[in-house]
Amino acid sequence: MKMFLISDNVDTLTGMRLSGVDGVVVHERDELRKAIEDAMNDADVGIVLLTEKFGREFPDLIDEIKLERTTPLLIEIPDRHGTGRKKDFITSYVNEAIGLKL
């Protein structure tokens, strides 16, 4: 099994290629959908990495694919600019999920 990166910038792709992860750079919704479908139809790909920007710009597309398919695993990663999440996003997530303030 291998990983495949779908990135919105060349710098993230270059960094991942240095660690042996192949991928593509896309910018438009249709390009993203095609890249995800191609990666998901490749039997060798076990994990598809997406930069977080796609999750923010196209959440409906990403959620739709996550709900329809169980493999390969679809994971959003921060790009070279860092994460777009707040510092306490995990605590906030747990608070919302269980209804208790930690």
C-alpha atoms as a PDB file:
ATOM      1  CA  MET A   1       0.000   0.000   0.000  1.00  0.00           C
ATOM      2  CA  LYS A   2       1.149   3.511  -0.739  1.00  0.00           C
ATOM      3  CA  MET A   3       0.094   7.080   0.011  1.00  0.00           C
ATOM      4  CA  PHE A   4      -0.944   9.626  -2.589  1.00  0.00           C
ATOM      5  CA  LEU A   5      -1.061  13.404  -2.042  1.00  0.00           C
ATOM      6  CA  ILE A   6      -3.528  15.815  -3.622  1.00  0.00           C
ATOM      7  CA  SER A   7      -2.217  19.305  -2.887  1.00  0.00           C
ATOM      8  CA  ASP A   8      -3.115  22.872  -3.697  1.00  0.00           C
ATOM      9  CA  ASN A   9       0.544  23.961  -3.845  1.00  0.00           C
ATOM     10  CA  VAL A  10       3.816  22.720  -5.300  1.00  0.00           C
ATOM     11  CA  ASP A  11       5.812  23.199  -2.074  1.00  0.00           C
ATOM     12  CA  THR A  12       3.790  20.628  -0.134  1.00  0.00           C
ATOM     13  CA  LEU A  13       4.012  18.173  -3.023  1.00  0.00           C
ATOM     14  CA  THR A  14       7.780  18.671  -3.276  1.00  0.00           C
ATOM     15  CA  GLY A  15       8.217  18.009   0.445  1.00  0.00           C
ATOM     16  CA  MET A  16       6.114  14.864   0.301  1.00  0.00           C
ATOM     17  CA  ARG A  17       7.950  13.612  -2.780  1.00  0.00           C
ATOM     18  CA  LEU A  18      11.194  13.832  -0.792  1.00  0.00           C
ATOM     19  CA  SER A  19       9.670  11.288   1.603  1.00  0.00           C
ATOM     20  CA  GLY A  20       8.543   9.003  -1.228  1.00  0.00           C
ATOM     21  CA  VAL A  21       4.898  10.085  -1.539  1.00  0.00           C
ATOM     22  CA  ASP A  22       3.703  10.748  -5.083  1.00  0.00           C
ATOM     23  CA  GLY A  23       0.896  13.160  -5.872  1.00  0.00           C
ATOM     24  CA  VAL A  24      -0.611  15.944  -7.949  1.00  0.00           C
ATOM     25  CA  VAL A  25      -1.333  19.658  -7.620  1.00  0.00           C
ATOM     26  CA  VAL A  26      -4.878  20.796  -8.400  1.00  0.00           C
ATOM     27  CA  HIS A  27      -6.763  24.047  -7.942  1.00  0.00           C
ATOM     28  CA  GLU A  28     -10.322  23.660  -9.258  1.00  0.00           C
ATOM     29  CA  ARG A  29     -13.232  21.589  -7.936  1.00  0.00           C
ATOM     30  CA  ASP A  30     -13.449  19.409 -11.070  1.00  0.00           C
ATOM     31  CA  GLU A  31      -9.698  18.751 -10.998  1.00  0.00           C
ATOM     32  CA  LEU A  32      -9.974  17.781  -7.328  1.00  0.00           C
ATOM     33  CA  ARG A  33     -12.860  15.376  -7.961  1.00  0.00           C
ATOM     34  CA  LYS A  34     -10.988  13.693 -10.824  1.00  0.00           C
ATOM     35  CA  ALA A  35      -7.751  13.426  -8.815  1.00  0.00           C
ATOM     36  CA  ILE A  36      -9.600  11.869  -5.852  1.00  0.00           C
ATOM     37  CA  GLU A  37     -11.451   9.406  -8.083  1.00  0.00           C
ATOM     38  CA  ASP A  38      -8.225   8.410  -9.856  1.00  0.00           C
ATOM     39  CA  ALA A  39      -6.424   7.873  -6.535  1.00  0.00           C
ATOM     40  CA  MET A  40      -9.330   5.941  -5.041  1.00  0.00           C
ATOM     41  CA  ASN A  41      -9.551   3.654  -8.061  1.00  0.00           C
ATOM     42  CA  ASP A  42      -5.844   2.795  -7.833  1.00  0.00           C
ATOM     43  CA  ALA A  43      -5.628  -0.524  -5.960  1.00  0.00           C
ATOM     44  CA  ASP A  44      -2.112   0.307  -4.706  1.00  0.00           C
ATOM     45  CA  VAL A  45      -3.222   3.476  -2.865  1.00  0.00           C
ATOM     46  CA  GLY A  46      -4.164   2.894   0.776  1.00  0.00           C
ATOM     47  CA  ILE A  47      -4.145   6.507   2.000  1.00  0.00           C
ATOM     48  CA  VAL A  48      -5.088   9.667   0.107  1.00  0.00           C
ATOM     49  CA  LEU A  49      -3.700  12.832   1.679  1.00  0.00           C
ATOM     50  CA  LEU A  50      -5.452  16.157   0.991  1.00  0.00           C
ATOM     51  CA  THR A  51      -4.268  19.580   2.069  1.00  0.00           C
ATOM     52  CA  GLU A  52      -6.665  21.249   4.533  1.00  0.00           C
ATOM     53  CA  LYS A  53      -7.504  23.990   2.072  1.00  0.00           C
ATOM     54  CA  PHE A  54      -9.664  21.538   0.108  1.00  0.00           C
ATOM     55  CA  GLY A  55     -11.606  20.648   3.243  1.00  0.00           C
ATOM     56  CA  ARG A  56     -12.352  24.327   3.827  1.00  0.00           C
ATOM     57  CA  GLU A  57     -13.182  25.189   0.195  1.00  0.00           C
ATOM     58  CA  PHE A  58     -15.048  22.035  -0.827  1.00  0.00           C
ATOM     59  CA  PRO A  59     -16.421  20.419   2.359  1.00  0.00           C
ATOM     60  CA  ASP A  60     -19.470  19.000   0.581  1.00  0.00           C
ATOM     61  CA  LEU A  61     -17.306  17.178  -1.970  1.00  0.00           C
ATOM     62  CA  ILE A  62     -14.914  15.793   0.652  1.00  0.00           C
ATOM     63  CA  ASP A  63     -17.741  14.697   2.990  1.00  0.00           C
ATOM     64  CA  GLU A  64     -19.607  13.049   0.109  1.00  0.00           C
ATOM     65  CA  ILE A  65     -16.545  10.984  -0.813  1.00  0.00           C
ATOM     66  CA  LYS A  66     -15.800  10.071   2.826  1.00  0.00           C
ATOM     67  CA  LEU A  67     -19.368   8.832   3.267  1.00  0.00           C
ATOM     68  CA  GLU A  68     -19.448   6.823   0.042  1.00  0.00           C
ATOM     69  CA  ARG A  69     -16.076   5.065   0.347  1.00  0.00           C
ATOM     70  CA  THR A  70     -14.327   3.326   3.204  1.00  0.00           C
ATOM     71  CA  THR A  71     -11.068   2.648   1.401  1.00  0.00           C
ATOM     72  CA  PRO A  72      -8.655   4.131   0.785  1.00  0.00           C
ATOM     73  CA  LEU A  73      -8.482   6.308   3.851  1.00  0.00           C
ATOM     74  CA  LEU A  74      -8.945  10.025   3.076  1.00  0.00           C
ATOM     75  CA  ILE A  75      -6.953  12.316   5.414  1.00  0.00           C
ATOM     76  CA  GLU A  76      -6.657  16.107   5.501  1.00  0.00           C
ATOM     77  CA  ILE A  77      -3.194  17.413   6.372  1.00  0.00           C
ATOM     78  CA  PRO A  78      -1.842  20.922   7.015  1.00  0.00           C
ATOM     79  CA  ASP A  79       0.162  22.436   4.183  1.00  0.00           C
ATOM     80  CA  ARG A  80       3.305  24.560   4.382  1.00  0.00           C
ATOM     81  CA  HIS A  81       1.323  27.455   5.863  1.00  0.00           C
ATOM     82  CA  GLY A  82       0.327  25.372   8.876  1.00  0.00           C
ATOM     83  CA  THR A  83      -3.064  24.354  10.077  1.00  0.00           C
ATOM     84  CA  GLY A  84      -6.125  26.547   9.783  1.00  0.00           C
ATOM     85  CA  ARG A  85      -7.501  25.212  13.053  1.00  0.00           C
ATOM     86  CA  LYS A  86      -7.582  26.968  16.402  1.00  0.00           C
ATOM     87  CA  LYS A  87      -5.108  25.885  19.051  1.00  0.00           C
ATOM     88  CA  ASP A  88      -7.704  24.065  21.143  1.00  0.00           C
ATOM     89  CA  PHE A  89      -9.637  22.438  18.302  1.00  0.00           C
ATOM     90  CA  ILE A  90      -9.357  18.951  19.841  1.00  0.00           C
ATOM     91  CA  THR A  91     -10.701  20.133  23.203  1.00  0.00           C
ATOM     92  CA  SER A  92     -13.528  21.992  21.455  1.00  0.00           C
ATOM     93  CA  TYR A  93     -14.350  18.892  19.420  1.00  0.00           C
ATOM     94  CA  VAL A  94     -14.499  16.700  22.539  1.00  0.00           C
ATOM     95  CA  ASN A  95     -16.609  19.315  24.374  1.00  0.00           C
ATOM     96  CA  GLU A  96     -19.124  19.352  21.523  1.00  0.00           C
ATOM     97  CA  ALA A  97     -19.155  15.571  21.166  1.00  0.00           C
ATOM     98  CA  ILE A  98     -19.774  14.683  24.827  1.00  0.00           C
ATOM     99  CA  GLY A  99     -21.341  17.889  26.077  1.00  0.00           C
ATOM    100  CA  LEU A 100     -18.877  18.392  28.926  1.00  0.00           C
ATOM    101  CA  LYS A 101     -16.386  21.176  29.363  1.00  0.00           C
ATOM    102  CA  LEU A 102     -12.875  19.890  29.968  1.00  0.00           C
END
